[in-house]
Structure formats: C-alpha cells, structure tokens
C-alpha cells in the first residue's frame, strides 16, 4: 500500500528538505518513507511524521563550526 500524506502533513517534510543538497533530499525522503513503512504507517499522524523526520535528518545536516 502506498504512503498517503495530506498537504498539511507533507509541509514539514518539504520545509526540512528545502535547504538540503538535492542528493541529501532524496536520502531524506527515502529514510522517511522507510521509517513510516517499517512501522506499518500508511496514513501517519503529525506526531508520527515529526518523529520519522527527526530520525531521518540525523547525519544529513552539519552543525555550525
């Protein structure tokens, strides 16, 4: 079954992906989908998306030096 997100639920994902390098955006999206599908979530809540997004962002953004 495909993953289904409303525009409202997709917005934080797109906002997080925006500043990333295009190659990292792909990785981010793949990680989010994998995380949600691993949990069997095809229509995730806001909280479930936020959790998957935080988990998926690890290692993609370098902190300021």
N, C-alpha and C. Protein backbone atom coordinates (compact mmCIF):
# COMPACT_ATOMS: atom_id res chain seq x y z
N UNK A 1 0.84 -1.18 0.00
CA UNK A 1 0.00 0.00 0.00
C UNK A 1 0.90 1.25 0.00
N UNK A 2 0.58 2.24 -0.82
CA UNK A 2 1.40 3.45 -0.88
C UNK A 2 1.22 4.32 0.37
N UNK A 3 2.20 5.15 0.59
CA UNK A 3 2.17 6.10 1.69
C UNK A 3 1.29 7.27 1.27
N UNK A 4 0.41 7.72 2.15
CA UNK A 4 -0.51 8.80 1.83
C UNK A 4 -0.34 9.95 2.82
N UNK A 5 0.04 11.13 2.32
CA UNK A 5 0.20 12.31 3.17
C UNK A 5 -0.64 13.46 2.62
N UNK A 6 -1.31 14.17 3.50
CA UNK A 6 -2.02 15.37 3.09
C UNK A 6 -0.99 16.49 2.87
N UNK A 7 -1.40 17.56 2.23
CA UNK A 7 -0.51 18.71 2.04
C UNK A 7 -0.03 19.23 3.40
N UNK A 8 -0.93 19.26 4.37
CA UNK A 8 -0.59 19.72 5.72
C UNK A 8 0.52 18.86 6.33
N UNK A 9 0.44 17.56 6.15
CA UNK A 9 1.42 16.66 6.74
C UNK A 9 2.71 16.60 5.93
N UNK A 10 2.64 16.92 4.67
CA UNK A 10 3.83 16.94 3.82
C UNK A 10 4.65 18.23 4.02
N UNK A 11 4.00 19.30 4.44
CA UNK A 11 4.66 20.61 4.58
C UNK A 11 5.93 20.58 5.43
N UNK A 12 5.94 19.97 6.63
CA UNK A 12 7.19 19.98 7.42
C UNK A 12 8.30 19.18 6.76
N UNK A 13 7.94 18.15 6.04
CA UNK A 13 8.94 17.35 5.33
C UNK A 13 9.58 18.20 4.24
N UNK A 14 8.77 18.90 3.47
CA UNK A 14 9.29 19.75 2.40
C UNK A 14 10.12 20.90 2.96
N UNK A 15 9.69 21.46 4.09
CA UNK A 15 10.45 22.55 4.71
C UNK A 15 11.83 22.06 5.17
N UNK A 16 11.88 20.87 5.72
CA UNK A 16 13.16 20.31 6.17
C UNK A 16 14.06 19.95 4.99
N UNK A 17 13.47 19.51 3.89
CA UNK A 17 14.24 19.09 2.72
C UNK A 17 14.77 20.29 1.93
N UNK A 18 14.08 21.41 1.97
CA UNK A 18 14.43 22.58 1.17
C UNK A 18 15.89 23.00 1.22
N UNK A 19 16.47 23.19 2.40
CA UNK A 19 17.85 23.66 2.49
C UNK A 19 18.91 22.59 2.19
N UNK A 20 18.50 21.35 2.09
CA UNK A 20 19.46 20.27 1.86
C UNK A 20 19.94 20.23 0.42
N UNK A 21 21.13 19.71 0.23
CA UNK A 21 21.65 19.40 -1.09
C UNK A 21 20.67 18.44 -1.77
N UNK A 22 20.43 18.57 -3.08
CA UNK A 22 19.47 17.69 -3.76
C UNK A 22 19.70 16.20 -3.52
N UNK A 23 20.94 15.75 -3.47
CA UNK A 23 21.20 14.34 -3.21
C UNK A 23 20.75 13.94 -1.81
N UNK A 24 20.92 14.84 -0.86
CA UNK A 24 20.50 14.56 0.51
C UNK A 24 18.98 14.59 0.65
N UNK A 25 18.30 15.37 -0.19
CA UNK A 25 16.84 15.39 -0.16
C UNK A 25 16.28 14.01 -0.50
N UNK A 26 16.89 13.39 -1.48
CA UNK A 26 16.46 12.05 -1.88
C UNK A 26 16.65 11.08 -0.72
N UNK A 27 17.81 11.16 -0.08
CA UNK A 27 18.09 10.29 1.06
C UNK A 27 17.07 10.54 2.16
N UNK A 28 16.77 11.81 2.45
CA UNK A 28 15.81 12.15 3.48
C UNK A 28 14.45 11.53 3.18
N UNK A 29 13.97 11.71 1.97
CA UNK A 29 12.65 11.17 1.60
C UNK A 29 12.63 9.65 1.70
N UNK A 30 13.69 9.01 1.24
CA UNK A 30 13.76 7.55 1.31
C UNK A 30 13.75 7.08 2.76
N UNK A 31 14.47 7.78 3.62
CA UNK A 31 14.52 7.41 5.04
C UNK A 31 13.15 7.58 5.70
N UNK A 32 12.48 8.67 5.40
CA UNK A 32 11.16 8.92 5.99
C UNK A 32 10.18 7.83 5.57
N UNK A 33 10.14 7.54 4.29
CA UNK A 33 9.23 6.51 3.79
C UNK A 33 9.56 5.16 4.43
N UNK A 34 10.83 4.82 4.49
CA UNK A 34 11.23 3.54 5.09
C UNK A 34 10.83 3.48 6.56
N UNK A 35 11.03 4.56 7.29
CA UNK A 35 10.68 4.60 8.71
C UNK A 35 9.18 4.40 8.91
N UNK A 36 8.38 5.11 8.14
CA UNK A 36 6.93 5.00 8.29
C UNK A 36 6.43 3.62 7.87
N UNK A 37 6.97 3.10 6.79
CA UNK A 37 6.54 1.78 6.32
C UNK A 37 6.97 0.68 7.28
N UNK A 38 8.16 0.82 7.87
CA UNK A 38 8.63 -0.16 8.87
C UNK A 38 7.65 -0.27 10.02
N UNK A 39 7.03 0.85 10.34
CA UNK A 39 6.07 0.88 11.45
C UNK A 39 4.65 0.53 10.97
N UNK A 40 4.51 0.28 9.68
CA UNK A 40 3.19 -0.05 9.13
C UNK A 40 2.26 1.14 9.04
N UNK A 41 2.84 2.34 8.94
CA UNK A 41 2.05 3.57 8.91
C UNK A 41 1.87 4.05 7.48
N UNK A 42 0.67 3.87 6.95
CA UNK A 42 0.40 4.33 5.59
C UNK A 42 -0.34 5.67 5.58
N UNK A 43 -0.95 6.02 6.72
CA UNK A 43 -1.61 7.31 6.88
C UNK A 43 -1.18 7.87 8.24
N UNK A 44 0.09 8.29 8.34
CA UNK A 44 0.64 8.71 9.64
C UNK A 44 0.05 10.01 10.16
N UNK A 45 0.11 10.15 11.48
CA UNK A 45 -0.32 11.39 12.15
C UNK A 45 0.80 12.43 12.07
N UNK A 46 0.49 13.64 12.48
CA UNK A 46 1.51 14.70 12.54
C UNK A 46 2.68 14.26 13.42
N UNK A 47 2.37 13.71 14.59
CA UNK A 47 3.41 13.29 15.53
C UNK A 47 4.29 12.19 14.94
N UNK A 48 3.69 11.25 14.24
CA UNK A 48 4.45 10.15 13.64
C UNK A 48 5.36 10.66 12.52
N UNK A 49 4.90 11.64 11.77
CA UNK A 49 5.72 12.24 10.72
C UNK A 49 6.88 13.01 11.34
N UNK A 50 6.60 13.79 12.39
CA UNK A 50 7.65 14.55 13.05
C UNK A 50 8.74 13.62 13.60
N UNK A 51 8.33 12.51 14.19
CA UNK A 51 9.28 11.55 14.74
C UNK A 51 10.13 10.94 13.61
N UNK A 52 9.50 10.53 12.52
CA UNK A 52 10.22 9.96 11.38
C UNK A 52 11.15 11.01 10.77
N UNK A 53 10.72 12.26 10.72
CA UNK A 53 11.53 13.34 10.16
C UNK A 53 12.77 13.58 11.01
N UNK A 54 12.59 13.68 12.33
CA UNK A 54 13.75 13.87 13.22
C UNK A 54 14.75 12.73 13.07
N UNK A 55 14.24 11.52 13.08
CA UNK A 55 15.10 10.34 12.94
C UNK A 55 15.82 10.36 11.60
N UNK A 56 15.12 10.74 10.55
CA UNK A 56 15.68 10.72 9.20
C UNK A 56 16.69 11.82 8.92
N UNK A 57 16.61 12.92 9.67
CA UNK A 57 17.51 14.05 9.47
C UNK A 57 18.90 13.80 10.06
N UNK A 58 19.02 12.82 10.96
CA UNK A 58 20.31 12.56 11.60
C UNK A 58 21.39 12.31 10.56
N UNK A 59 22.48 13.05 10.68
CA UNK A 59 23.61 12.87 9.80
C UNK A 59 23.52 13.62 8.47
N UNK A 60 22.37 14.24 8.19
CA UNK A 60 22.22 14.95 6.92
C UNK A 60 22.56 16.42 7.02
N UNK A 61 22.50 16.97 8.23
CA UNK A 61 22.76 18.39 8.43
C UNK A 61 23.96 18.54 9.36
N UNK A 62 24.95 19.29 8.91
CA UNK A 62 26.13 19.54 9.73
C UNK A 62 25.87 20.77 10.59
N UNK A 63 26.22 20.69 11.86
CA UNK A 63 26.08 21.83 12.76
C UNK A 63 27.10 22.92 12.43
N UNK A 64 26.86 24.11 12.89
CA UNK A 64 27.78 25.23 12.66
C UNK A 64 29.08 24.97 13.45
N UNK A 65 30.20 25.31 12.85
CA UNK A 65 31.50 25.08 13.50
C UNK A 65 31.84 26.17 14.47
